[in-house]
Protein backbone atom coordinates (compact mmCIF):
# COMPACT_ATOMS: atom_id res chain seq x y z
CA MET A 1 120.53 152.88 86.27
CA LYS A 2 120.28 151.03 89.58
CA LYS A 3 119.49 147.82 87.73
CA PHE A 4 122.59 148.27 85.59
CA VAL A 5 124.83 148.82 88.65
CA VAL A 6 123.39 145.77 90.44
CA PHE A 7 123.89 143.65 87.32
CA GLY A 8 127.50 144.84 86.98
CA LEU A 9 128.33 144.10 90.61
CA THR A 10 126.74 140.66 90.34
CA THR A 11 128.77 139.90 87.26
CA LEU A 12 132.03 141.04 88.85
CA LEU A 13 131.35 139.03 91.99
CA GLY A 14 130.61 135.95 89.89
CA LEU A 15 133.82 136.32 87.90
CA GLY A 16 135.83 136.90 91.05
CA ALA A 17 134.46 133.77 92.71
CA ALA A 18 135.14 131.73 89.61
CA GLY A 19 138.71 133.03 89.46
CA PHE A 20 139.23 132.25 93.14
CA LEU A 21 137.95 128.70 92.75
CA ALA A 22 140.06 128.10 89.66
CA GLY A 23 143.17 129.38 91.41
CA ALA A 24 142.46 127.33 94.51
CA GLN A 25 141.98 124.06 92.60
CA ASP A 26 144.66 121.54 93.44
CA PRO A 27 146.20 120.08 90.29
CA ASP A 28 146.32 116.75 92.11
CA ASP A 29 142.51 116.73 92.11
CA GLU A 30 142.41 116.26 88.34
CA PRO A 31 140.96 112.89 87.25
CA PRO A 32 143.66 110.30 86.64
CA LYS A 33 144.54 109.56 83.08
CA VAL A 34 143.31 106.23 81.80
CA LYS A 35 146.21 103.98 80.94
CA LYS A 36 146.22 102.64 77.44
CA LYS A 37 146.17 98.90 76.90
CA ASP A 38 149.60 98.97 75.28
CA ASP A 39 151.08 100.86 78.25
CA ALA A 40 149.73 98.24 80.62
CA LYS A 41 151.29 95.48 78.55
CA LYS A 42 154.67 97.21 78.56
CA LYS A 43 154.48 97.58 82.32
CA ASP A 44 153.54 93.92 82.84
CA GLY A 45 156.28 92.71 80.52
CA PRO A 46 156.76 89.01 79.85
CA GLY A 47 155.60 88.17 83.37
CA GLY A 48 151.95 88.83 82.49
CA ASP A 49 151.59 85.97 80.02
CA LEU A 50 153.94 83.78 82.02
CA THR A 51 151.81 84.15 85.13
CA LYS A 52 148.60 83.38 83.26
CA ALA A 53 150.19 80.41 81.51
CA TYR A 54 151.61 79.11 84.79
CA ASP A 55 148.27 79.32 86.63
CA LEU A 56 146.34 77.61 83.84
CA LEU A 57 148.96 74.95 83.18
CA ARG A 58 149.08 73.96 86.84
CA ARG A 59 145.36 73.23 86.74
CA LEU A 60 145.52 71.43 83.38
CA ARG A 61 148.43 69.25 84.45
CA SER A 62 146.69 68.39 87.71
CA ASP A 63 143.53 67.41 85.82
CA ALA A 64 145.59 65.32 83.40
CA ASP A 65 147.22 63.42 86.26
CA GLN A 66 143.79 62.54 87.64
CA ALA A 67 142.34 61.58 84.25
CA PRO A 68 142.13 57.93 83.14
CA ALA A 69 145.10 56.54 81.24
CA LYS A 70 142.98 56.32 78.10
CA ALA A 71 142.25 60.05 78.18
CA ASP A 72 142.73 61.98 74.94
CA ALA A 73 146.38 61.54 73.95
CA LYS A 74 146.18 64.68 71.81
CA LEU A 75 145.35 66.87 74.81
CA ARG A 76 148.14 65.26 76.81
CA ASP A 77 150.55 66.06 73.98
CA TRP A 78 149.30 69.64 73.76
CA THR A 79 149.64 70.04 77.51
CA GLU A 80 153.26 68.92 77.38
CA ARG A 81 153.90 71.22 74.40
CA ALA A 82 152.41 74.17 76.30
CA SER A 83 154.50 73.28 79.35
CA GLN A 84 157.66 73.23 77.24
CA LEU A 85 156.79 76.59 75.69
CA TYR A 86 156.36 77.95 79.21
CA ARG A 87 159.76 76.57 80.28
CA ASP A 88 161.38 78.11 77.21
CA ALA A 89 159.72 81.45 77.98
CA VAL A 90 161.11 81.40 81.52
CA LYS A 91 164.58 80.65 80.17
CA ALA A 92 164.30 83.52 77.69
CA HIS A 93 163.22 85.83 80.50
CA GLU A 94 166.20 84.76 82.63
CA ALA A 95 168.47 85.32 79.61
CA ARG A 96 167.11 88.89 79.39
CA GLU A 97 165.32 88.32 76.11
CA PRO A 98 161.99 89.98 76.99
CA ARG A 99 160.54 89.99 73.48
CA ARG A 100 161.13 86.29 72.97
CA ALA A 101 159.93 85.55 76.49
CA ARG A 102 156.72 87.50 75.88
CA ALA A 103 156.01 85.69 72.60
CA LEU A 104 156.70 82.24 74.04
CA GLY A 105 154.67 83.03 77.15
CA ALA A 106 151.74 84.13 74.98
CA ALA A 107 152.04 80.95 72.90
CA ALA A 108 152.00 78.81 76.04
CA HIS A 109 148.98 80.65 77.42
CA ASP A 110 146.96 80.48 74.19
CA LEU A 111 147.72 76.79 73.74
CA ALA A 112 146.67 76.17 77.35
CA ARG A 113 143.45 78.12 76.73
CA ALA A 114 142.70 75.93 73.72
CA ILE A 115 143.22 72.79 75.80
CA ASP A 116 140.92 74.11 78.51
CA HIS A 117 138.13 74.87 76.04
CA VAL A 118 138.44 71.46 74.35
CA ARG A 119 138.13 69.79 77.75
CA ASN A 120 135.08 71.87 78.54
CA ALA A 121 133.59 70.87 75.20
CA SER A 122 134.10 67.19 75.97
CA ARG A 123 132.26 67.60 79.27
CA LEU A 124 129.32 69.15 77.41
CA SER A 125 129.16 66.45 74.72
CA LYS A 126 126.39 64.56 76.51
CA PRO A 127 123.57 65.89 78.67
CA ASP A 128 123.20 64.66 82.22
CA PRO A 129 120.07 62.44 82.38
CA ASP A 130 119.54 63.40 86.02
CA LEU A 131 119.51 67.13 85.25
CA PRO A 132 116.64 68.43 83.11
CA PRO A 133 117.49 71.47 80.97
CA PRO A 134 116.60 74.82 82.59
CA PRO A 135 113.50 76.71 81.46
CA GLY A 136 113.70 80.08 79.80
CA PRO A 137 115.95 81.52 77.08
CA GLY A 138 119.08 79.60 78.08
CA ARG A 139 119.48 77.91 74.71
CA GLY A 140 118.92 81.20 72.88
CA ASP A 141 121.68 82.84 74.91
CA ALA A 142 124.02 79.92 74.18
CA GLU A 143 123.35 80.25 70.47
CA LYS A 144 124.04 83.99 70.56
CA ARG A 145 127.39 83.36 72.24
CA LEU A 146 128.10 80.65 69.68
CA ARG A 147 127.48 83.02 66.77
CA LYS A 148 129.86 85.56 68.30
CA ASP A 149 132.57 83.01 69.11
CA SER A 150 132.27 81.37 65.67
CA ARG A 151 132.71 84.68 63.84
CA LYS A 152 135.71 85.52 65.99
CA ALA A 153 137.29 82.12 65.37
CA GLU A 154 136.66 82.24 61.63
CA ASP A 155 138.11 85.74 61.30
CA GLN A 156 141.22 84.82 63.28
CA ILE A 157 141.83 81.59 61.33
CA LYS A 158 141.53 83.42 58.01
CA LYS A 159 143.92 86.08 59.29
CA ALA A 160 146.43 83.46 60.45
CA GLU A 161 146.23 81.53 57.17
CA ARG A 162 146.63 84.73 55.16
CA LYS A 163 149.71 85.75 57.16
CA ALA A 164 151.20 82.28 56.72
CA LYS A 165 150.82 82.51 52.94
CA GLN A 166 152.05 86.09 52.63
CA GLY A 167 154.98 85.81 55.04
CA ASP A 168 158.59 86.03 53.95
CA GLU A 169 159.19 82.54 55.31
CA PRO A 170 156.90 79.49 55.05
CA PRO A 171 155.36 78.35 58.34
CA THR A 172 157.39 75.84 60.31
CA ALA A 173 156.13 72.31 60.93
CA ASP A 174 154.91 73.25 64.41
CA GLU A 175 153.17 76.38 63.17
CA LYS A 176 151.37 74.36 60.50
CA VAL A 177 150.31 71.74 63.05
CA TYR A 178 148.65 74.35 65.23
CA LEU A 179 147.03 76.14 62.31
CA ASP A 180 145.62 72.89 60.91
CA ALA A 181 144.38 71.91 64.38
CA ALA A 182 142.67 75.30 64.79
CA HIS A 183 140.91 74.80 61.46
CA GLN A 184 139.79 71.31 62.49
CA LEU A 185 138.42 72.59 65.79
CA TYR A 186 136.42 75.17 63.87
CA GLU A 187 134.94 72.42 61.69
CA ASP A 188 134.18 70.38 64.83
CA SER A 189 132.41 73.43 66.25
CA LYS A 190 130.17 73.68 63.19
CA LYS A 191 129.37 69.95 63.43
CA ALA A 192 128.44 70.30 67.11
CA ASP A 193 126.17 73.20 66.19
CA GLU A 194 124.45 71.08 63.53
CA ASP A 195 123.94 68.37 66.16
CA GLY A 196 122.11 70.82 68.40
CA GLN A 197 124.90 71.33 70.95
CA PRO A 198 125.46 75.11 71.00
CA GLU A 199 127.37 75.15 74.30
CA ARG A 200 129.82 72.49 73.14
CA ALA A 201 130.11 74.23 69.76
CA ALA A 202 130.93 77.53 71.48
CA GLU A 203 133.70 75.92 73.54
CA LEU A 204 135.23 74.39 70.41
CA ALA A 205 135.04 77.75 68.64
CA ARG A 206 136.87 79.40 71.53
CA ALA A 207 139.48 76.65 71.42
CA SER A 208 139.92 77.22 67.69
CA GLU A 209 140.36 80.96 68.15
CA ALA A 210 142.91 80.52 70.95
CA LEU A 211 144.91 77.92 69.04
CA SER A 212 145.03 80.02 65.88
CA HIS A 213 147.15 82.62 67.72
CA VAL A 214 149.92 80.15 68.56
CA PRO A 215 151.63 80.07 65.11
CA ASP A 216 151.89 83.86 65.14
CA HIS A 217 153.45 83.82 68.62
CA LEU A 218 155.96 81.16 67.58
CA HIS A 219 156.89 83.13 64.48
CA ALA A 220 157.37 86.24 66.61
CA ALA A 221 159.53 84.31 69.08
CA ALA A 222 161.77 83.08 66.27
CA ARG A 223 162.25 86.67 65.13
CA GLY A 224 162.59 88.06 68.63
CA GLU A 225 159.44 90.13 68.21
CA PRO A 226 156.83 90.77 70.91
CA GLY A 227 153.87 88.38 70.94
CA LYS A 228 150.84 89.45 68.96
CA ASP A 229 147.29 89.56 70.33
């Protein structure tokens, strides 16, 4: 009987303490809710892509000014195209067209990313004779990254080509230029891989993936839709 009374009192005391603690808990102490990716994008608005495009384009344009006159004319043309897309995005933002501004800003940023990766690839085209390759699994790691980047680029190109064929309107001349260039970069990446240059191949694959987004952004801008990822 005594054991039963002690057990009952212990139980009641435990429940009372639990109730007290629950009632005393401050609702502000609850863990913050994790913001969804889409919510963050809505909060950032067009300025997110515009800021990223601006920062990258400043560096690319500075590098282009310091490059020799015979530097790749294609990259110079792409840099000017990306700069114009950025200017158009700023104008759309000032005209209170946030959807068009977001799409154009994303197009400018992705085109700038492609340029950056192509430039990196050109720097990796030849090894430095004064720097011996590092020991260890460096090459294996580079090849793993290449496989991942190549799959991502191939999937995105196929997706972009499929959307271009199934769309209500045929791709514009600019959209086709970027899509064809993305496909060519992917082929260049495979060739670099065959030549035993996994780092250069990975950079070209990343350039291909970035460039393949541009037609979709341009199409969205023409329709006043938000830029796609």
